Amino acid sequence: MLVRFAKLWAAMGLLAAVWGIGRIPRAEGGAWVHPVAARPGPVRILRFDASVGILVKGEKATLCYRVENAKSIRISPFIAGVYPWAAHCLEIVPEHTTHYTLLAEGFDGTVAAQSVTLAVEAAPPTPPPVLDYADEGAGRRYSMAAAEPAECVSAGGASSMCS
């Protein structure tokens, strides 16, 4: 029966050995096993930017990053959904002008940092409604904004103040 499951036992033993080796700390603090796509070298931030430079409070923006050789990634202030992927974009809705900092730690222990500031402005005030009345019989047109005095425009185009 032992011979029948020899391949299974060998695979389990090999898996346990690889797991055990991965748990042993290295003297220089690096990792024993790197991801397949990782190239040797220090961590680099290739891109960290926002989709807009200025936005109005309540609007959405996209914050994108691209890194190389990163073991871990953090964005300050904290944003949920940040993963050590080579490239990723996040949708954000800042309430006020915010200074974002990306910190990427490499497999060799080096840290790279890059920052971007996203300005948030208050919504512009809504202009008062313009009231426009026409007096067809007299040939005059009255136009006024909510907080301004009324101005009469006669059919000939000359303006005069109405009382």
C-alpha atoms as a PDB file:
ATOM      1  CA  MET A   1       0.000   0.000   0.000  1.00  0.00           C
ATOM      2  CA  LEU A   2       2.930   2.318   0.754  1.00  0.00           C
ATOM      3  CA  VAL A   3       4.272   1.834  -2.798  1.00  0.00           C
ATOM      4  CA  ARG A   4       0.876   2.663  -4.228  1.00  0.00           C
ATOM      5  CA  PHE A   5       0.893   6.150  -2.638  1.00  0.00           C
ATOM      6  CA  ALA A   6       4.638   6.795  -3.037  1.00  0.00           C
ATOM      7  CA  LYS A   7       4.139   9.714  -5.471  1.00  0.00           C
ATOM      8  CA  LEU A   8       1.609  11.315  -3.143  1.00  0.00           C
ATOM      9  CA  TRP A   9       3.952  10.973  -0.131  1.00  0.00           C
ATOM     10  CA  ALA A  10       6.865  12.343  -2.143  1.00  0.00           C
ATOM     11  CA  ALA A  11       4.822  15.358  -3.274  1.00  0.00           C
ATOM     12  CA  MET A  12       3.667  16.052   0.283  1.00  0.00           C
ATOM     13  CA  GLY A  13       7.247  15.798   1.571  1.00  0.00           C
ATOM     14  CA  LEU A  14       8.526  18.149  -1.114  1.00  0.00           C
ATOM     15  CA  LEU A  15       5.756  20.651  -0.352  1.00  0.00           C
ATOM     16  CA  ALA A  16       6.577  20.534   3.368  1.00  0.00           C
ATOM     17  CA  ALA A  17      10.287  21.079   2.612  1.00  0.00           C
ATOM     18  CA  VAL A  18       9.607  24.135   0.425  1.00  0.00           C
ATOM     19  CA  TRP A  19       7.261  25.548   3.084  1.00  0.00           C
ATOM     20  CA  GLY A  20       9.912  24.972   5.779  1.00  0.00           C
ATOM     21  CA  ILE A  21      12.628  26.687   3.739  1.00  0.00           C
ATOM     22  CA  GLY A  22      10.330  29.665   3.141  1.00  0.00           C
ATOM     23  CA  ARG A  23       9.847  30.075   6.898  1.00  0.00           C
ATOM     24  CA  ILE A  24      13.582  30.354   7.619  1.00  0.00           C
ATOM     25  CA  PRO A  25      14.602  34.038   7.940  1.00  0.00           C
ATOM     26  CA  ARG A  26      17.533  35.196   5.857  1.00  0.00           C
ATOM     27  CA  ALA A  27      20.355  37.190   7.415  1.00  0.00           C
ATOM     28  CA  GLU A  28      19.999  40.118   4.987  1.00  0.00           C
ATOM     29  CA  GLY A  29      16.218  40.267   5.460  1.00  0.00           C
ATOM     30  CA  GLY A  30      15.318  39.436   1.854  1.00  0.00           C
ATOM     31  CA  ALA A  31      12.863  36.843   0.631  1.00  0.00           C
ATOM     32  CA  TRP A  32      13.839  33.326  -0.409  1.00  0.00           C
ATOM     33  CA  VAL A  33      11.295  33.139  -3.198  1.00  0.00           C
ATOM     34  CA  HIS A  34      10.437  36.082  -5.470  1.00  0.00           C
ATOM     35  CA  PRO A  35       7.421  36.303  -7.787  1.00  0.00           C
ATOM     36  CA  VAL A  36       8.082  35.074 -11.302  1.00  0.00           C
ATOM     37  CA  ALA A  37       7.607  38.542 -12.841  1.00  0.00           C
ATOM     38  CA  ALA A  38      10.005  40.261 -10.398  1.00  0.00           C
ATOM     39  CA  ARG A  39      13.249  41.400 -11.954  1.00  0.00           C
ATOM     40  CA  PRO A  40      16.316  41.765  -9.772  1.00  0.00           C
ATOM     41  CA  GLY A  41      16.917  45.303  -8.667  1.00  0.00           C
ATOM     42  CA  PRO A  42      15.542  47.995  -6.399  1.00  0.00           C
ATOM     43  CA  VAL A  43      11.896  48.944  -6.153  1.00  0.00           C
ATOM     44  CA  ARG A  44      10.808  51.707  -8.538  1.00  0.00           C
ATOM     45  CA  ILE A  45       7.647  53.776  -8.817  1.00  0.00           C
ATOM     46  CA  LEU A  46       6.982  54.164 -12.519  1.00  0.00           C
ATOM     47  CA  ARG A  47       3.703  56.088 -12.235  1.00  0.00           C
ATOM     48  CA  PHE A  48       1.675  57.783  -9.500  1.00  0.00           C
ATOM     49  CA  ASP A  49      -0.878  60.368 -10.617  1.00  0.00           C
ATOM     50  CA  ALA A  50      -4.490  61.507 -10.472  1.00  0.00           C
ATOM     51  CA  SER A  51      -6.864  61.719 -13.430  1.00  0.00           C
ATOM     52  CA  VAL A  52      -7.502  65.419 -12.694  1.00  0.00           C
ATOM     53  CA  GLY A  53      -5.526  68.178 -10.995  1.00  0.00           C
ATOM     54  CA  ILE A  54      -8.474  70.068  -9.495  1.00  0.00           C
ATOM     55  CA  LEU A  55     -11.985  68.854  -8.822  1.00  0.00           C
ATOM     56  CA  VAL A  56     -15.153  70.140  -7.190  1.00  0.00           C
ATOM     57  CA  LYS A  57     -16.153  68.707  -3.799  1.00  0.00           C
ATOM     58  CA  GLY A  58     -18.198  65.546  -4.328  1.00  0.00           C
ATOM     59  CA  GLU A  59     -16.708  64.688  -7.743  1.00  0.00           C
ATOM     60  CA  LYS A  60     -14.781  61.466  -8.374  1.00  0.00           C
ATOM     61  CA  ALA A  61     -11.183  61.121  -9.505  1.00  0.00           C
ATOM     62  CA  THR A  62      -8.944  58.180 -10.349  1.00  0.00           C
ATOM     63  CA  LEU A  63      -5.627  57.661  -8.576  1.00  0.00           C
ATOM     64  CA  CYS A  64      -3.281  55.329 -10.516  1.00  0.00           C
ATOM     65  CA  TYR A  65       0.070  53.772  -9.673  1.00  0.00           C
ATOM     66  CA  ARG A  66       2.568  51.501 -11.414  1.00  0.00           C
ATOM     67  CA  VAL A  67       5.493  49.944  -9.561  1.00  0.00           C
ATOM     68  CA  GLU A  68       8.308  47.521 -10.244  1.00  0.00           C
ATOM     69  CA  ASN A  69       9.850  44.993  -7.793  1.00  0.00           C
ATOM     70  CA  ALA A  70       7.461  45.899  -4.935  1.00  0.00           C
ATOM     71  CA  LYS A  71       6.852  43.519  -2.040  1.00  0.00           C
ATOM     72  CA  SER A  72       4.336  45.842  -0.358  1.00  0.00           C
ATOM     73  CA  ILE A  73       2.560  49.095  -1.214  1.00  0.00           C
ATOM     74  CA  ARG A  74       0.870  51.711   0.999  1.00  0.00           C
ATOM     75  CA  ILE A  75      -0.898  54.953   0.170  1.00  0.00           C
ATOM     76  CA  SER A  76      -1.210  57.608   2.840  1.00  0.00           C
ATOM     77  CA  PRO A  77      -3.827  58.706   3.825  1.00  0.00           C
ATOM     78  CA  PHE A  78      -5.200  55.165   3.855  1.00  0.00           C
ATOM     79  CA  ILE A  79      -7.203  54.095   0.809  1.00  0.00           C
ATOM     80  CA  ALA A  80      -8.880  50.693   0.762  1.00  0.00           C
ATOM     81  CA  GLY A  81      -8.063  48.441  -2.186  1.00  0.00           C
ATOM     82  CA  VAL A  82      -4.304  49.044  -2.453  1.00  0.00           C
ATOM     83  CA  TYR A  83      -2.502  45.839  -3.429  1.00  0.00           C
ATOM     84  CA  PRO A  84       1.098  45.059  -4.440  1.00  0.00           C
ATOM     85  CA  TRP A  85       0.129  44.780  -8.093  1.00  0.00           C
ATOM     86  CA  ALA A  86       2.401  46.090 -10.805  1.00  0.00           C
ATOM     87  CA  ALA A  87      -0.290  48.577 -11.934  1.00  0.00           C
ATOM     88  CA  HIS A  88      -3.614  49.561 -10.384  1.00  0.00           C
ATOM     89  CA  CYS A  89      -6.132  52.443 -10.402  1.00  0.00           C
ATOM     90  CA  LEU A  90      -8.449  53.438  -7.556  1.00  0.00           C
ATOM     91  CA  GLU A  91     -11.562  55.615  -7.605  1.00  0.00           C
ATOM     92  CA  ILE A  92     -11.496  58.296  -4.899  1.00  0.00           C
ATOM     93  CA  VAL A  93     -13.867  61.051  -3.730  1.00  0.00           C
ATOM     94  CA  PRO A  94     -11.833  63.433  -1.536  1.00  0.00           C
ATOM     95  CA  GLU A  95     -13.712  65.906   0.676  1.00  0.00           C
ATOM     96  CA  HIS A  96     -10.879  68.467   0.751  1.00  0.00           C
ATOM     97  CA  THR A  97      -7.483  69.099  -0.841  1.00  0.00           C
ATOM     98  CA  THR A  98      -5.436  65.981  -0.089  1.00  0.00           C
ATOM     99  CA  HIS A  99      -1.729  65.144  -0.367  1.00  0.00           C
ATOM    100  CA  TYR A 100      -1.367  61.433  -1.274  1.00  0.00           C
ATOM    101  CA  THR A 101       1.943  59.603  -0.736  1.00  0.00           C
ATOM    102  CA  LEU A 102       2.738  56.192  -2.245  1.00  0.00           C
ATOM    103  CA  LEU A 103       5.302  54.075  -0.364  1.00  0.00           C
ATOM    104  CA  ALA A 104       6.582  50.942  -2.091  1.00  0.00           C
ATOM    105  CA  GLU A 105       8.895  48.499  -0.304  1.00  0.00           C
ATOM    106  CA  GLY A 106      11.105  46.281  -2.446  1.00  0.00           C
ATOM    107  CA  PHE A 107      12.230  42.693  -1.929  1.00  0.00           C
ATOM    108  CA  ASP A 108      15.700  43.992  -1.098  1.00  0.00           C
ATOM    109  CA  GLY A 109      14.355  46.220   1.711  1.00  0.00           C
ATOM    110  CA  THR A 110      14.617  49.545  -0.133  1.00  0.00           C
ATOM    111  CA  VAL A 111      11.679  51.961  -0.012  1.00  0.00           C
ATOM    112  CA  ALA A 112      10.564  54.317  -2.786  1.00  0.00           C
ATOM    113  CA  ALA A 113       8.154  57.209  -2.215  1.00  0.00           C
ATOM    114  CA  GLN A 114       6.274  59.559  -4.506  1.00  0.00           C
ATOM    115  CA  SER A 115       3.538  62.122  -3.791  1.00  0.00           C
ATOM    116  CA  VAL A 116       0.686  63.847  -5.584  1.00  0.00           C
ATOM    117  CA  THR A 117      -1.667  66.584  -4.363  1.00  0.00           C
ATOM    118  CA  LEU A 118      -5.284  66.644  -5.466  1.00  0.00           C
ATOM    119  CA  ALA A 119      -6.925  70.063  -5.027  1.00  0.00           C
ATOM    120  CA  VAL A 120     -10.618  70.168  -4.117  1.00  0.00           C
ATOM    121  CA  GLU A 121     -12.622  73.353  -4.570  1.00  0.00           C
ATOM    122  CA  ALA A 122     -16.033  74.276  -3.220  1.00  0.00           C
ATOM    123  CA  ALA A 123     -18.916  74.090  -5.676  1.00  0.00           C
ATOM    124  CA  PRO A 124     -19.474  77.416  -7.486  1.00  0.00           C
ATOM    125  CA  PRO A 125     -22.509  79.372  -6.284  1.00  0.00           C
ATOM    126  CA  THR A 126     -25.653  79.035  -8.359  1.00  0.00           C
ATOM    127  CA  PRO A 127     -26.399  82.305 -10.184  1.00  0.00           C
ATOM    128  CA  PRO A 128     -29.752  83.948  -9.378  1.00  0.00           C
ATOM    129  CA  PRO A 129     -32.496  83.316 -11.930  1.00  0.00           C
ATOM    130  CA  VAL A 130     -33.021  85.990 -14.573  1.00  0.00           C
ATOM    131  CA  LEU A 131     -36.617  87.115 -14.922  1.00  0.00           C
ATOM    132  CA  ASP A 132     -37.570  88.210 -18.411  1.00  0.00           C
ATOM    133  CA  TYR A 133     -40.957  89.818 -19.113  1.00  0.00           C
ATOM    134  CA  ALA A 134     -42.201  91.211 -22.395  1.00  0.00           C
ATOM    135  CA  ASP A 135     -44.892  93.891 -22.662  1.00  0.00           C
ATOM    136  CA  GLU A 136     -45.956  93.435 -26.272  1.00  0.00           C
ATOM    137  CA  GLY A 137     -48.519  96.282 -26.233  1.00  0.00           C
ATOM    138  CA  ALA A 138     -46.035  98.988 -25.212  1.00  0.00           C
ATOM    139  CA  GLY A 139     -43.126  97.545 -27.228  1.00  0.00           C
ATOM    140  CA  ARG A 140     -40.950  97.313 -24.140  1.00  0.00           C
ATOM    141  CA  ARG A 141     -39.031  94.388 -22.689  1.00  0.00           C
ATOM    142  CA  TYR A 142     -38.207  94.156 -18.981  1.00  0.00           C
ATOM    143  CA  SER A 143     -35.215  92.115 -17.840  1.00  0.00           C
ATOM    144  CA  MET A 144     -34.015  91.787 -14.269  1.00  0.00           C
ATOM    145  CA  ALA A 145     -31.918  89.550 -12.098  1.00  0.00           C
ATOM    146  CA  ALA A 146     -33.088  88.680  -8.593  1.00  0.00           C
ATOM    147  CA  ALA A 147     -31.139  91.307  -6.602  1.00  0.00           C
ATOM    148  CA  GLU A 148     -30.735  94.043  -9.216  1.00  0.00           C
ATOM    149  CA  PRO A 149     -33.029  96.925 -10.192  1.00  0.00           C
ATOM    150  CA  ALA A 150     -35.235  96.411 -13.213  1.00  0.00           C
ATOM    151  CA  GLU A 151     -34.090  97.955 -16.490  1.00  0.00           C
ATOM    152  CA  CYS A 152     -36.513  98.767 -19.288  1.00  0.00           C
ATOM    153  CA  VAL A 153     -35.486  98.308 -22.883  1.00  0.00           C
ATOM    154  CA  SER A 154     -37.657 100.023 -25.448  1.00  0.00           C
ATOM    155  CA  ALA A 155     -38.293  98.687 -28.916  1.00  0.00           C
ATOM    156  CA  GLY A 156     -35.813 101.213 -30.377  1.00  0.00           C
ATOM    157  CA  GLY A 157     -32.962  99.760 -28.322  1.00  0.00           C
ATOM    158  CA  ALA A 158     -32.447 102.785 -26.024  1.00  0.00           C
ATOM    159  CA  SER A 159     -32.268 101.939 -22.334  1.00  0.00           C
ATOM    160  CA  SER A 160     -33.865 103.860 -19.541  1.00  0.00           C
ATOM    161  CA  MET A 161     -34.532 103.116 -15.901  1.00  0.00           C
ATOM    162  CA  CYS A 162     -38.169 102.359 -15.146  1.00  0.00           C
ATOM    163  CA  SER A 163     -39.821 103.601 -12.003  1.00  0.00           C
END
